[in-house]
Amino acid sequence: MIDHIEATIRQSIPDARVRVVDPYNDGQHFEAYVVSDAFEGLPLVRQHQLVLKSLKDEFDANTVHGGAQDLHPGQMGTGPGRPALDL
């Protein structure tokens, strides 16, 4: 399922670096970490909408629950609010 979610996001946002985790190990709740130049200059809400739109047609909202951390490459790194992710 994780591989499928990652591939679906990448198909919609081609330059995206994506990592999806199942924090509860239940196959129902997922967190997606997405880094893309497409997010540059967009408000956080719009970034989330891009990621969720990529998943909407593929997954029933009642079946899969999740959250997203959307970043553009300039937001990566160290320091407060700058997650260091291996994507």
C-alpha atoms as a PDB file:
ATOM      1  CA  MET A   1       0.000   0.000   0.000  1.00  0.00           C
ATOM      2  CA  ILE A   2       2.810   2.434   0.876  1.00  0.00           C
ATOM      3  CA  ASP A   3       4.485   1.903  -2.491  1.00  0.00           C
ATOM      4  CA  HIS A   4       1.172   2.495  -4.246  1.00  0.00           C
ATOM      5  CA  ILE A   5       0.537   5.761  -2.369  1.00  0.00           C
ATOM      6  CA  GLU A   6       4.063   6.986  -3.150  1.00  0.00           C
ATOM      7  CA  ALA A   7       3.696   6.108  -6.841  1.00  0.00           C
ATOM      8  CA  THR A   8       0.304   7.829  -7.037  1.00  0.00           C
ATOM      9  CA  ILE A   9       1.713  11.061  -5.602  1.00  0.00           C
ATOM     10  CA  ARG A  10       4.735  10.905  -7.936  1.00  0.00           C
ATOM     11  CA  GLN A  11       2.470  10.417 -10.942  1.00  0.00           C
ATOM     12  CA  SER A  12       0.577  13.602 -10.106  1.00  0.00           C
ATOM     13  CA  ILE A  13       3.626  15.622  -8.953  1.00  0.00           C
ATOM     14  CA  PRO A  14       6.440  14.288 -11.177  1.00  0.00           C
ATOM     15  CA  ASP A  15       9.385  16.019  -9.455  1.00  0.00           C
ATOM     16  CA  ALA A  16       8.210  14.999  -5.976  1.00  0.00           C
ATOM     17  CA  ARG A  17      10.429  13.217  -3.519  1.00  0.00           C
ATOM     18  CA  VAL A  18       8.022  11.168  -1.428  1.00  0.00           C
ATOM     19  CA  ARG A  19       8.160   9.059   1.701  1.00  0.00           C
ATOM     20  CA  VAL A  20       5.024   7.492   3.149  1.00  0.00           C
ATOM     21  CA  VAL A  21       4.930   5.837   6.562  1.00  0.00           C
ATOM     22  CA  ASP A  22       2.309   3.815   8.423  1.00  0.00           C
ATOM     23  CA  PRO A  23       2.860   5.158  11.965  1.00  0.00           C
ATOM     24  CA  TYR A  24       0.333   2.848  13.609  1.00  0.00           C
ATOM     25  CA  ASN A  25       1.240  -0.168  11.471  1.00  0.00           C
ATOM     26  CA  ASP A  26      -2.453  -0.730  10.805  1.00  0.00           C
ATOM     27  CA  GLY A  27      -2.607  -0.267   7.019  1.00  0.00           C
ATOM     28  CA  GLN A  28      -5.239   2.460   7.450  1.00  0.00           C
ATOM     29  CA  HIS A  29      -3.384   5.550   8.697  1.00  0.00           C
ATOM     30  CA  PHE A  30      -0.546   7.007   6.642  1.00  0.00           C
ATOM     31  CA  GLU A  31       1.686  10.051   6.721  1.00  0.00           C
ATOM     32  CA  ALA A  32       3.167  11.391   3.507  1.00  0.00           C
ATOM     33  CA  TYR A  33       6.272  13.566   3.379  1.00  0.00           C
ATOM     34  CA  VAL A  34       6.440  15.277   0.007  1.00  0.00           C
ATOM     35  CA  VAL A  35       9.141  17.636  -1.279  1.00  0.00           C
ATOM     36  CA  SER A  36       8.588  19.359  -4.611  1.00  0.00           C
ATOM     37  CA  ASP A  37       9.515  22.543  -6.441  1.00  0.00           C
ATOM     38  CA  ALA A  38       5.799  22.705  -7.313  1.00  0.00           C
ATOM     39  CA  PHE A  39       5.134  23.902  -3.744  1.00  0.00           C
ATOM     40  CA  GLU A  40       7.385  26.979  -4.064  1.00  0.00           C
ATOM     41  CA  GLY A  41       5.388  30.101  -3.265  1.00  0.00           C
ATOM     42  CA  LEU A  42       2.154  28.218  -2.543  1.00  0.00           C
ATOM     43  CA  PRO A  43       0.316  28.555   0.756  1.00  0.00           C
ATOM     44  CA  LEU A  44       0.392  25.432   2.916  1.00  0.00           C
ATOM     45  CA  VAL A  45      -3.303  24.759   2.267  1.00  0.00           C
ATOM     46  CA  ARG A  46      -2.714  24.726  -1.506  1.00  0.00           C
ATOM     47  CA  GLN A  47       0.274  22.391  -1.057  1.00  0.00           C
ATOM     48  CA  HIS A  48      -1.900  19.958   0.900  1.00  0.00           C
ATOM     49  CA  GLN A  49      -4.616  20.217  -1.741  1.00  0.00           C
ATOM     50  CA  LEU A  50      -2.169  19.211  -4.481  1.00  0.00           C
ATOM     51  CA  VAL A  51      -1.116  16.103  -2.559  1.00  0.00           C
ATOM     52  CA  LEU A  52      -4.639  15.138  -1.518  1.00  0.00           C
ATOM     53  CA  LYS A  53      -6.002  15.695  -5.036  1.00  0.00           C
ATOM     54  CA  SER A  54      -3.454  13.204  -6.339  1.00  0.00           C
ATOM     55  CA  LEU A  55      -4.872  10.604  -3.957  1.00  0.00           C
ATOM     56  CA  LYS A  56      -8.584  11.457  -4.178  1.00  0.00           C
ATOM     57  CA  ASP A  57      -9.454   9.409  -7.245  1.00  0.00           C
ATOM     58  CA  GLU A  58      -7.316   6.500  -6.153  1.00  0.00           C
ATOM     59  CA  PHE A  59      -8.494   6.040  -2.574  1.00  0.00           C
ATOM     60  CA  ASP A  60     -11.828   6.262  -0.788  1.00  0.00           C
ATOM     61  CA  ALA A  61     -11.620   8.929   1.925  1.00  0.00           C
ATOM     62  CA  ASN A  62     -13.368   6.549   4.329  1.00  0.00           C
ATOM     63  CA  THR A  63     -10.778   3.839   3.787  1.00  0.00           C
ATOM     64  CA  VAL A  64      -7.448   5.612   4.130  1.00  0.00           C
ATOM     65  CA  HIS A  65      -6.668   8.308   6.681  1.00  0.00           C
ATOM     66  CA  GLY A  66      -3.541  10.353   6.671  1.00  0.00           C
ATOM     67  CA  GLY A  67      -1.621  13.541   6.935  1.00  0.00           C
ATOM     68  CA  ALA A  68       0.875  15.287   4.746  1.00  0.00           C
ATOM     69  CA  GLN A  69       3.995  17.348   5.261  1.00  0.00           C
ATOM     70  CA  ASP A  70       4.529  19.322   2.069  1.00  0.00           C
ATOM     71  CA  LEU A  71       7.803  21.158   1.513  1.00  0.00           C
ATOM     72  CA  HIS A  72       9.695  22.823  -1.268  1.00  0.00           C
ATOM     73  CA  PRO A  73      13.432  22.049  -1.367  1.00  0.00           C
ATOM     74  CA  GLY A  74      14.386  25.358   0.295  1.00  0.00           C
ATOM     75  CA  GLN A  75      12.521  24.271   3.416  1.00  0.00           C
ATOM     76  CA  MET A  76      14.661  21.174   3.912  1.00  0.00           C
ATOM     77  CA  GLY A  77      17.651  21.133   6.212  1.00  0.00           C
ATOM     78  CA  THR A  78      18.352  21.656   9.855  1.00  0.00           C
ATOM     79  CA  GLY A  79      17.001  24.105  12.361  1.00  0.00           C
ATOM     80  CA  PRO A  80      13.578  24.930  13.715  1.00  0.00           C
ATOM     81  CA  GLY A  81      10.806  24.057  11.278  1.00  0.00           C
ATOM     82  CA  ARG A  82      13.282  22.619   8.749  1.00  0.00           C
ATOM     83  CA  PRO A  83      12.991  18.831   8.804  1.00  0.00           C
ATOM     84  CA  ALA A  84      15.987  16.800   7.779  1.00  0.00           C
ATOM     85  CA  LEU A  85      14.371  14.018   5.754  1.00  0.00           C
ATOM     86  CA  ASP A  86      16.087  11.350   3.756  1.00  0.00           C
ATOM     87  CA  LEU A  87      13.962  11.532   0.622  1.00  0.00           C
END
